[in-house]
Amino acid sequence: MNALSLDLPRLAIALGDPMGIGPEVVLKALADPALATQCAITVVGSRSLLCDRYEALRAMIPADNLAHPETLNMVEIDVPDATATQLRVGHGNAASGAVSFWTLERTIALALAGAVDGVVTAPISKAAWNAAGYHYPGQTELLAEAAHSQRFGMLFVARSPHTGWTLRTLLATTHIPLRQVPDALTPALMTLKLELLVECLRQDFGLERPTIAIAGLNPHSGEQGQLGREELDWLIPWMQEMGDRLPQVRLEGPVPPDTLW
């Protein structure tokens, strides 16, 4: 570690499901030399499994486009032989689910111990987690449980390479079947998520007076009750109440979901 790296954010990358796309994504991302000037990275996972994936990928991808596992700073996840023999590339099962769960647990432990400043997660298979006996809707919920937090959300942030315009989107519901969404959406849940988003925009993005668009639930935001009444019955009244409660925030909508995107 050089003097420069001491001042960089320390990030731990969990490899995700070792038989899924995660190892490939991580090896491709870490091939970019610019990352070393922006953060100090620790990869959490099985180096031997990662080496196997690297060798397989080299037959299809130029070596310059892949980081070599032997050059990476890694925290090793030990995979018992009984588990390793059940692993098959491209197939999620109880074995791959167990390895990916152990990997994320170890990554979270590093963050809670203060060994890293942030966590990056590669994709997992929720079905594989379930097959391994770990019944979480997704990584988000495990992270929240480990942090003892009831106020959490999934935020997407992307900047257009053409205009520089930034989209920040907080999901009101996550990891539930579509048919459960209308029942899960309530004024109380929307209030929690909106206040969380306003706080995030202020603290993380410096936006003191944000404009926030609220997506409707139904096509055309219900078309005045013709395609669903949730907007008329509670979403629009809720937005009016929130507008009074949060005068520094400009709320727009409900915007039809397809139009918003």
C-alpha atoms as a PDB file:
ATOM      1  CA  MET A   1       0.000   0.000   0.000  1.00  0.00           C
ATOM      2  CA  ASN A   2       1.427   3.355  -1.025  1.00  0.00           C
ATOM      3  CA  ALA A   3       0.929   6.765   0.557  1.00  0.00           C
ATOM      4  CA  LEU A   4      -1.714   7.706  -1.993  1.00  0.00           C
ATOM      5  CA  SER A   5      -3.888   4.668  -1.211  1.00  0.00           C
ATOM      6  CA  LEU A   6      -4.078   5.717   2.456  1.00  0.00           C
ATOM      7  CA  ASP A   7      -6.219   8.683   1.428  1.00  0.00           C
ATOM      8  CA  LEU A   8      -8.514   6.724  -0.895  1.00  0.00           C
ATOM      9  CA  PRO A   9     -11.905   5.248  -0.014  1.00  0.00           C
ATOM     10  CA  ARG A  10     -11.554   1.589   0.954  1.00  0.00           C
ATOM     11  CA  LEU A  11     -14.087  -0.590  -0.831  1.00  0.00           C
ATOM     12  CA  ALA A  12     -14.812  -4.287  -0.398  1.00  0.00           C
ATOM     13  CA  ILE A  13     -16.300  -6.108  -3.388  1.00  0.00           C
ATOM     14  CA  ALA A  14     -18.318  -9.237  -2.681  1.00  0.00           C
ATOM     15  CA  LEU A  15     -18.015 -11.624  -5.643  1.00  0.00           C
ATOM     16  CA  GLY A  16     -21.657 -12.668  -5.462  1.00  0.00           C
ATOM     17  CA  ASP A  17     -22.699 -16.075  -6.743  1.00  0.00           C
ATOM     18  CA  PRO A  18     -19.439 -17.755  -7.799  1.00  0.00           C
ATOM     19  CA  MET A  19     -21.216 -19.646 -10.576  1.00  0.00           C
ATOM     20  CA  GLY A  20     -23.047 -16.585 -11.905  1.00  0.00           C
ATOM     21  CA  ILE A  21     -22.053 -13.426 -13.754  1.00  0.00           C
ATOM     22  CA  GLY A  22     -20.490 -11.731 -10.703  1.00  0.00           C
ATOM     23  CA  PRO A  23     -16.892 -12.963 -11.081  1.00  0.00           C
ATOM     24  CA  GLU A  24     -16.834 -11.978 -14.760  1.00  0.00           C
ATOM     25  CA  VAL A  25     -18.204  -8.510 -14.034  1.00  0.00           C
ATOM     26  CA  VAL A  26     -15.673  -7.955 -11.244  1.00  0.00           C
ATOM     27  CA  LEU A  27     -12.689  -9.134 -13.322  1.00  0.00           C
ATOM     28  CA  LYS A  28     -13.708  -6.886 -16.201  1.00  0.00           C
ATOM     29  CA  ALA A  29     -14.268  -3.868 -13.942  1.00  0.00           C
ATOM     30  CA  LEU A  30     -10.963  -4.277 -12.105  1.00  0.00           C
ATOM     31  CA  ALA A  31      -9.079  -4.427 -15.396  1.00  0.00           C
ATOM     32  CA  ASP A  32      -9.521  -0.643 -15.598  1.00  0.00           C
ATOM     33  CA  PRO A  33      -6.264   0.872 -14.245  1.00  0.00           C
ATOM     34  CA  ALA A  34      -8.049   4.127 -13.393  1.00  0.00           C
ATOM     35  CA  LEU A  35      -9.771   2.437 -10.445  1.00  0.00           C
ATOM     36  CA  ALA A  36      -6.492   2.177  -8.558  1.00  0.00           C
ATOM     37  CA  THR A  37      -6.293   5.986  -8.482  1.00  0.00           C
ATOM     38  CA  GLN A  38      -9.831   6.339  -7.127  1.00  0.00           C
ATOM     39  CA  CYS A  39     -10.188   3.706  -4.420  1.00  0.00           C
ATOM     40  CA  ALA A  40      -8.409   0.916  -2.566  1.00  0.00           C
ATOM     41  CA  ILE A  41     -10.206  -2.328  -3.387  1.00  0.00           C
ATOM     42  CA  THR A  42     -10.444  -5.591  -1.489  1.00  0.00           C
ATOM     43  CA  VAL A  43     -12.198  -8.483  -3.212  1.00  0.00           C
ATOM     44  CA  VAL A  44     -14.010 -10.958  -0.972  1.00  0.00           C
ATOM     45  CA  GLY A  45     -14.426 -14.485  -2.287  1.00  0.00           C
ATOM     46  CA  SER A  46     -12.650 -17.698  -3.198  1.00  0.00           C
ATOM     47  CA  ARG A  47      -9.449 -16.985  -5.126  1.00  0.00           C
ATOM     48  CA  SER A  48      -9.298 -20.542  -6.482  1.00  0.00           C
ATOM     49  CA  LEU A  49     -12.828 -20.331  -7.866  1.00  0.00           C
ATOM     50  CA  LEU A  50     -12.047 -16.903  -9.301  1.00  0.00           C
ATOM     51  CA  CYS A  51      -8.895 -18.258 -10.972  1.00  0.00           C
ATOM     52  CA  ASP A  52     -10.947 -21.025 -12.558  1.00  0.00           C
ATOM     53  CA  ARG A  53     -13.373 -18.469 -13.988  1.00  0.00           C
ATOM     54  CA  TYR A  54     -10.494 -16.306 -15.177  1.00  0.00           C
ATOM     55  CA  GLU A  55      -8.942 -19.178 -17.140  1.00  0.00           C
ATOM     56  CA  ALA A  56     -12.284 -20.029 -18.733  1.00  0.00           C
ATOM     57  CA  LEU A  57     -12.935 -16.409 -19.670  1.00  0.00           C
ATOM     58  CA  ARG A  58      -9.508 -15.978 -21.266  1.00  0.00           C
ATOM     59  CA  ALA A  59     -10.621 -18.305 -24.049  1.00  0.00           C
ATOM     60  CA  MET A  60     -13.269 -15.732 -24.998  1.00  0.00           C
ATOM     61  CA  ILE A  61     -11.989 -12.376 -23.736  1.00  0.00           C
ATOM     62  CA  PRO A  62      -8.598 -10.705 -24.307  1.00  0.00           C
ATOM     63  CA  ALA A  63      -6.422 -10.926 -21.199  1.00  0.00           C
ATOM     64  CA  ASP A  64      -6.044  -7.122 -21.115  1.00  0.00           C
ATOM     65  CA  ASN A  65      -9.776  -6.863 -20.469  1.00  0.00           C
ATOM     66  CA  LEU A  66      -9.583  -9.027 -17.352  1.00  0.00           C
ATOM     67  CA  ALA A  67      -7.831  -8.442 -14.040  1.00  0.00           C
ATOM     68  CA  HIS A  68      -5.680 -11.414 -13.043  1.00  0.00           C
ATOM     69  CA  PRO A  69      -6.917 -12.866  -9.740  1.00  0.00           C
ATOM     70  CA  GLU A  70      -3.365 -13.273  -8.457  1.00  0.00           C
ATOM     71  CA  THR A  71      -2.859  -9.492  -8.590  1.00  0.00           C
ATOM     72  CA  LEU A  72      -5.923  -8.702  -6.486  1.00  0.00           C
ATOM     73  CA  ASN A  73      -6.023  -7.916  -2.782  1.00  0.00           C
ATOM     74  CA  MET A  74      -8.433 -10.576  -1.537  1.00  0.00           C
ATOM     75  CA  VAL A  75     -10.076 -11.750   1.652  1.00  0.00           C
ATOM     76  CA  GLU A  76     -10.396 -15.492   1.199  1.00  0.00           C
ATOM     77  CA  ILE A  77     -13.629 -17.410   1.618  1.00  0.00           C
ATOM     78  CA  ASP A  78     -12.903 -21.055   2.363  1.00  0.00           C
ATOM     79  CA  VAL A  79     -15.161 -23.390   0.399  1.00  0.00           C
ATOM     80  CA  PRO A  80     -15.380 -26.947   1.844  1.00  0.00           C
ATOM     81  CA  ASP A  81     -14.698 -29.736  -0.630  1.00  0.00           C
ATOM     82  CA  ALA A  82     -18.219 -31.098  -0.134  1.00  0.00           C
ATOM     83  CA  THR A  83     -19.590 -27.750  -1.288  1.00  0.00           C
ATOM     84  CA  ALA A  84     -17.075 -27.182  -4.093  1.00  0.00           C
ATOM     85  CA  THR A  85     -17.910 -30.496  -5.768  1.00  0.00           C
ATOM     86  CA  GLN A  86     -21.530 -29.350  -6.189  1.00  0.00           C
ATOM     87  CA  LEU A  87     -20.654 -26.119  -8.004  1.00  0.00           C
ATOM     88  CA  ARG A  88     -21.436 -25.882 -11.720  1.00  0.00           C
ATOM     89  CA  VAL A  89     -20.813 -22.735 -13.762  1.00  0.00           C
ATOM     90  CA  GLY A  90     -24.065 -21.178 -14.904  1.00  0.00           C
ATOM     91  CA  HIS A  91     -26.195 -23.155 -12.447  1.00  0.00           C
ATOM     92  CA  GLY A  92     -27.363 -21.690  -9.178  1.00  0.00           C
ATOM     93  CA  ASN A  93     -27.964 -24.235  -6.423  1.00  0.00           C
ATOM     94  CA  ALA A  94     -27.660 -24.652  -2.677  1.00  0.00           C
ATOM     95  CA  ALA A  95     -23.872 -24.827  -2.913  1.00  0.00           C
ATOM     96  CA  SER A  96     -23.457 -21.610  -4.892  1.00  0.00           C
ATOM     97  CA  GLY A  97     -26.063 -19.933  -2.688  1.00  0.00           C
ATOM     98  CA  ALA A  98     -24.147 -20.876   0.437  1.00  0.00           C
ATOM     99  CA  VAL A  99     -20.848 -19.566  -0.931  1.00  0.00           C
ATOM    100  CA  SER A 100     -22.387 -16.254  -2.033  1.00  0.00           C
ATOM    101  CA  PHE A 101     -24.103 -15.816   1.343  1.00  0.00           C
ATOM    102  CA  TRP A 102     -20.869 -16.516   3.248  1.00  0.00           C
ATOM    103  CA  THR A 103     -19.121 -14.046   0.960  1.00  0.00           C
ATOM    104  CA  LEU A 104     -21.553 -11.229   1.663  1.00  0.00           C
ATOM    105  CA  GLU A 105     -21.550 -11.974   5.395  1.00  0.00           C
ATOM    106  CA  ARG A 106     -17.749 -11.647   5.463  1.00  0.00           C
ATOM    107  CA  THR A 107     -17.905  -8.454   3.414  1.00  0.00           C
ATOM    108  CA  ILE A 108     -20.427  -6.923   5.797  1.00  0.00           C
ATOM    109  CA  ALA A 109     -18.257  -7.928   8.746  1.00  0.00           C
ATOM    110  CA  LEU A 110     -15.332  -6.016   7.245  1.00  0.00           C
ATOM    111  CA  ALA A 111     -17.474  -2.893   6.972  1.00  0.00           C
ATOM    112  CA  LEU A 112     -18.886  -3.189  10.493  1.00  0.00           C
ATOM    113  CA  ALA A 113     -15.360  -3.624  11.853  1.00  0.00           C
ATOM    114  CA  GLY A 114     -14.245  -0.440  10.098  1.00  0.00           C
ATOM    115  CA  ALA A 115     -11.789  -2.278   7.851  1.00  0.00           C
ATOM    116  CA  VAL A 116     -13.457  -0.802   4.756  1.00  0.00           C
ATOM    117  CA  ASP A 117     -15.492   2.325   4.083  1.00  0.00           C
ATOM    118  CA  GLY A 118     -18.050   0.842   1.723  1.00  0.00           C
ATOM    119  CA  VAL A 119     -19.364  -2.354   0.185  1.00  0.00           C
ATOM    120  CA  VAL A 120     -19.942  -3.247  -3.467  1.00  0.00           C
ATOM    121  CA  THR A 121     -22.033  -6.323  -4.203  1.00  0.00           C
ATOM    122  CA  ALA A 122     -21.917  -8.470  -7.318  1.00  0.00           C
ATOM    123  CA  PRO A 123     -25.124 -10.306  -8.344  1.00  0.00           C
ATOM    124  CA  ILE A 124     -26.477 -13.244  -6.375  1.00  0.00           C
ATOM    125  CA  SER A 125     -29.242 -15.777  -6.993  1.00  0.00           C
ATOM    126  CA  LYS A 126     -32.084 -15.350  -4.515  1.00  0.00           C
ATOM    127  CA  ALA A 127     -33.325 -18.845  -5.367  1.00  0.00           C
ATOM    128  CA  ALA A 128     -29.878 -20.256  -4.561  1.00  0.00           C
ATOM    129  CA  TRP A 129     -29.865 -18.437  -1.216  1.00  0.00           C
ATOM    130  CA  ASN A 130     -33.242 -19.951  -0.447  1.00  0.00           C
ATOM    131  CA  ALA A 131     -32.027 -23.427  -1.468  1.00  0.00           C
ATOM    132  CA  ALA A 132     -29.100 -23.015   0.939  1.00  0.00           C
ATOM    133  CA  GLY A 133     -31.478 -22.136   3.767  1.00  0.00           C
ATOM    134  CA  TYR A 134     -30.953 -18.364   3.789  1.00  0.00           C
ATOM    135  CA  HIS A 135     -34.398 -16.848   3.469  1.00  0.00           C
ATOM    136  CA  TYR A 136     -33.831 -13.203   2.576  1.00  0.00           C
ATOM    137  CA  PRO A 137     -35.604 -11.379  -0.264  1.00  0.00           C
ATOM    138  CA  GLY A 138     -32.234 -10.045  -1.410  1.00  0.00           C
ATOM    139  CA  GLN A 139     -28.907  -8.497  -0.443  1.00  0.00           C
ATOM    140  CA  THR A 140     -30.569  -5.212   0.524  1.00  0.00           C
ATOM    141  CA  GLU A 141     -32.472  -6.803   3.383  1.00  0.00           C
ATOM    142  CA  LEU A 142     -29.422  -8.627   4.742  1.00  0.00           C
ATOM    143  CA  LEU A 143     -27.434  -5.390   4.689  1.00  0.00           C
ATOM    144  CA  ALA A 144     -30.223  -3.586   6.542  1.00  0.00           C
ATOM    145  CA  GLU A 145     -30.465  -6.338   9.152  1.00  0.00           C
ATOM    146  CA  ALA A 146     -26.719  -6.277   9.757  1.00  0.00           C
ATOM    147  CA  ALA A 147     -26.831  -2.497  10.150  1.00  0.00           C
ATOM    148  CA  HIS A 148     -29.827  -2.742  12.532  1.00  0.00           C
ATOM    149  CA  SER A 149     -31.660  -0.277  10.325  1.00  0.00           C
ATOM    150  CA  GLN A 150     -35.389   0.064   9.747  1.00  0.00           C
ATOM    151  CA  ARG A 151     -34.893   3.042   7.425  1.00  0.00           C
ATOM    152  CA  PHE A 152     -33.368   1.785   4.213  1.00  0.00           C
ATOM    153  CA  GLY A 153     -34.066   1.822   0.516  1.00  0.00           C
ATOM    154  CA  MET A 154     -32.720   0.866  -2.878  1.00  0.00           C
ATOM    155  CA  LEU A 155     -31.477   3.927  -4.769  1.00  0.00           C
ATOM    156  CA  PHE A 156     -30.403   3.952  -8.403  1.00  0.00           C
ATOM    157  CA  VAL A 157     -28.122   6.750  -9.613  1.00  0.00           C
ATOM    158  CA  ALA A 158     -27.012   7.255 -13.216  1.00  0.00           C
ATOM    159  CA  ARG A 159     -25.538  10.178 -15.146  1.00  0.00           C
ATOM    160  CA  SER A 160     -26.046  10.590 -18.871  1.00  0.00           C
ATOM    161  CA  PRO A 161     -22.693  10.518 -20.718  1.00  0.00           C
ATOM    162  CA  HIS A 162     -24.247  12.809 -23.334  1.00  0.00           C
ATOM    163  CA  THR A 163     -25.952  15.553 -21.304  1.00  0.00           C
ATOM    164  CA  GLY A 164     -24.552  15.117 -17.798  1.00  0.00           C
ATOM    165  CA  TRP A 165     -28.116  14.967 -16.456  1.00  0.00           C
ATOM    166  CA  THR A 166     -28.429  12.769 -13.364  1.00  0.00           C
ATOM    167  CA  LEU A 167     -31.350  10.515 -12.497  1.00  0.00           C
ATOM    168  CA  ARG A 168     -31.767   9.428  -8.881  1.00  0.00           C
ATOM    169  CA  THR A 169     -34.521   6.900  -8.227  1.00  0.00           C
ATOM    170  CA  LEU A 170     -35.576   5.432  -4.891  1.00  0.00           C
ATOM    171  CA  LEU A 171     -37.831   2.369  -5.067  1.00  0.00           C
ATOM    172  CA  ALA A 172     -40.881   2.363  -2.805  1.00  0.00           C
ATOM    173  CA  THR A 173     -41.096  -1.439  -2.823  1.00  0.00           C
ATOM    174  CA  THR A 174     -38.402  -4.036  -3.407  1.00  0.00           C
ATOM    175  CA  HIS A 175     -38.191  -7.798  -3.871  1.00  0.00           C
ATOM    176  CA  ILE A 176     -41.895  -8.649  -3.756  1.00  0.00           C
ATOM    177  CA  PRO A 177     -44.187 -10.163  -6.407  1.00  0.00           C
ATOM    178  CA  LEU A 178     -45.986  -7.665  -8.629  1.00  0.00           C
ATOM    179  CA  ARG A 179     -49.409  -8.774  -7.381  1.00  0.00           C
ATOM    180  CA  GLN A 180     -48.412  -7.724  -3.817  1.00  0.00           C
ATOM    181  CA  VAL A 181     -47.363  -4.189  -4.737  1.00  0.00           C
ATOM    182  CA  PRO A 182     -50.789  -2.465  -4.421  1.00  0.00           C
ATOM    183  CA  ASP A 183     -51.232  -3.848  -0.899  1.00  0.00           C
ATOM    184  CA  ALA A 184     -47.661  -3.039   0.129  1.00  0.00           C
ATOM    185  CA  LEU A 185     -47.898   0.580  -1.004  1.00  0.00           C
ATOM    186  CA  THR A 186     -49.354   2.653   1.817  1.00  0.00           C
ATOM    187  CA  PRO A 187     -49.128   6.312   2.840  1.00  0.00           C
ATOM    188  CA  ALA A 188     -46.930   5.289   5.782  1.00  0.00           C
ATOM    189  CA  LEU A 189     -44.470   3.440   3.536  1.00  0.00           C
ATOM    190  CA  MET A 190     -44.405   6.276   1.007  1.00  0.00           C
ATOM    191  CA  THR A 191     -43.740   8.786   3.785  1.00  0.00           C
ATOM    192  CA  LEU A 192     -40.822   6.736   5.093  1.00  0.00           C
ATOM    193  CA  LYS A 193     -39.310   6.419   1.608  1.00  0.00           C
ATOM    194  CA  LEU A 194     -39.863  10.062   0.675  1.00  0.00           C
ATOM    195  CA  GLU A 195     -38.264  11.353   3.887  1.00  0.00           C
ATOM    196  CA  LEU A 196     -35.354   8.965   3.333  1.00  0.00           C
ATOM    197  CA  LEU A 197     -34.901  10.240  -0.218  1.00  0.00           C
ATOM    198  CA  VAL A 198     -35.060  13.896   0.832  1.00  0.00           C
ATOM    199  CA  GLU A 199     -32.433  13.240   3.513  1.00  0.00           C
ATOM    200  CA  CYS A 200     -30.226  11.390   1.011  1.00  0.00           C
ATOM    201  CA  LEU A 201     -30.486  14.146  -1.592  1.00  0.00           C
ATOM    202  CA  ARG A 202     -29.466  16.738   0.997  1.00  0.00           C
ATOM    203  CA  GLN A 203     -26.626  14.809   2.638  1.00  0.00           C
ATOM    204  CA  ASP A 204     -25.175  12.920  -0.329  1.00  0.00           C
ATOM    205  CA  PHE A 205     -25.905  15.204  -3.272  1.00  0.00           C
ATOM    206  CA  GLY A 206     -26.141  18.682  -1.732  1.00  0.00           C
ATOM    207  CA  LEU A 207     -29.700  19.233  -2.992  1.00  0.00           C
ATOM    208  CA  GLU A 208     -31.493  21.364  -0.425  1.00  0.00           C
ATOM    209  CA  ARG A 209     -34.570  22.126  -2.559  1.00  0.00           C
ATOM    210  CA  PRO A 210     -35.071  19.074  -4.763  1.00  0.00           C
ATOM    211  CA  THR A 211     -37.737  18.387  -7.349  1.00  0.00           C
ATOM    212  CA  ILE A 212     -39.059  14.859  -6.932  1.00  0.00           C
ATOM    213  CA  ALA A 213     -41.395  13.084  -9.337  1.00  0.00           C
ATOM    214  CA  ILE A 214     -43.722  10.474  -7.841  1.00  0.00           C
ATOM    215  CA  ALA A 215     -44.637   7.613 -10.168  1.00  0.00           C
ATOM    216  CA  GLY A 216     -48.245   6.499 -10.277  1.00  0.00           C
ATOM    217  CA  LEU A 217     -49.113   2.889  -9.639  1.00  0.00           C
ATOM    218  CA  ASN A 218     -51.447   2.325 -12.580  1.00  0.00           C
ATOM    219  CA  PRO A 219     -51.089   2.901 -16.333  1.00  0.00           C
ATOM    220  CA  HIS A 220     -51.779   6.579 -17.080  1.00  0.00           C
ATOM    221  CA  SER A 221     -51.768   7.064 -13.285  1.00  0.00           C
ATOM    222  CA  GLY A 222     -55.234   5.556 -13.160  1.00  0.00           C
ATOM    223  CA  GLU A 223     -56.804   7.741 -15.892  1.00  0.00           C
ATOM    224  CA  GLN A 224     -58.971   9.492 -13.296  1.00  0.00           C
ATOM    225  CA  GLY A 225     -60.103   6.205 -11.827  1.00  0.00           C
ATOM    226  CA  GLN A 226     -60.762   4.376 -15.088  1.00  0.00           C
ATOM    227  CA  LEU A 227     -57.600   2.214 -14.781  1.00  0.00           C
ATOM    228  CA  GLY A 228     -57.330   1.989 -10.999  1.00  0.00           C
ATOM    229  CA  ARG A 229     -58.264   4.210  -8.073  1.00  0.00           C
ATOM    230  CA  GLU A 230     -55.109   4.201  -5.920  1.00  0.00           C
ATOM    231  CA  GLU A 231     -54.016   7.584  -7.264  1.00  0.00           C
ATOM    232  CA  LEU A 232     -57.379   9.239  -6.555  1.00  0.00           C
ATOM    233  CA  ASP A 233     -58.084   7.473  -3.276  1.00  0.00           C
ATOM    234  CA  TRP A 234     -54.828   8.104  -1.457  1.00  0.00           C
ATOM    235  CA  LEU A 235     -51.734   8.897  -3.547  1.00  0.00           C
ATOM    236  CA  ILE A 236     -52.751  12.396  -4.661  1.00  0.00           C
ATOM    237  CA  PRO A 237     -54.041  13.379  -1.183  1.00  0.00           C
ATOM    238  CA  TRP A 238     -50.811  12.007   0.295  1.00  0.00           C
ATOM    239  CA  MET A 239     -48.734  14.133  -2.093  1.00  0.00           C
ATOM    240  CA  GLN A 240     -50.696  17.229  -1.077  1.00  0.00           C
ATOM    241  CA  GLU A 241     -50.067  16.460   2.598  1.00  0.00           C
ATOM    242  CA  MET A 242     -46.349  15.900   1.961  1.00  0.00           C
ATOM    243  CA  GLY A 243     -46.127  19.120   0.003  1.00  0.00           C
ATOM    244  CA  ASP A 244     -47.358  20.991   3.073  1.00  0.00           C
ATOM    245  CA  ARG A 245     -45.059  19.048   5.395  1.00  0.00           C
ATOM    246  CA  LEU A 246     -41.961  19.468   3.208  1.00  0.00           C
ATOM    247  CA  PRO A 247     -42.200  22.981   1.741  1.00  0.00           C
ATOM    248  CA  GLN A 248     -38.582  22.853   0.524  1.00  0.00           C
ATOM    249  CA  VAL A 249     -39.445  19.935  -1.772  1.00  0.00           C
ATOM    250  CA  ARG A 250     -41.248  20.298  -5.091  1.00  0.00           C
ATOM    251  CA  LEU A 251     -43.351  17.200  -5.727  1.00  0.00           C
ATOM    252  CA  GLU A 252     -44.562  16.407  -9.234  1.00  0.00           C
ATOM    253  CA  GLY A 253     -47.045  13.769 -10.257  1.00  0.00           C
ATOM    254  CA  PRO A 254     -48.256  11.212  -9.935  1.00  0.00           C
ATOM    255  CA  VAL A 255     -46.521  10.725 -13.266  1.00  0.00           C
ATOM    256  CA  PRO A 256     -47.560   7.673 -15.315  1.00  0.00           C
ATOM    257  CA  PRO A 257     -44.788   5.101 -14.746  1.00  0.00           C
ATOM    258  CA  ASP A 258     -43.960   4.595 -18.431  1.00  0.00           C
ATOM    259  CA  THR A 259     -43.832   8.354 -19.001  1.00  0.00           C
ATOM    260  CA  LEU A 260     -41.581   8.877 -15.986  1.00  0.00           C
ATOM    261  CA  TRP A 261     -39.042   6.382 -17.260  1.00  0.00           C
END
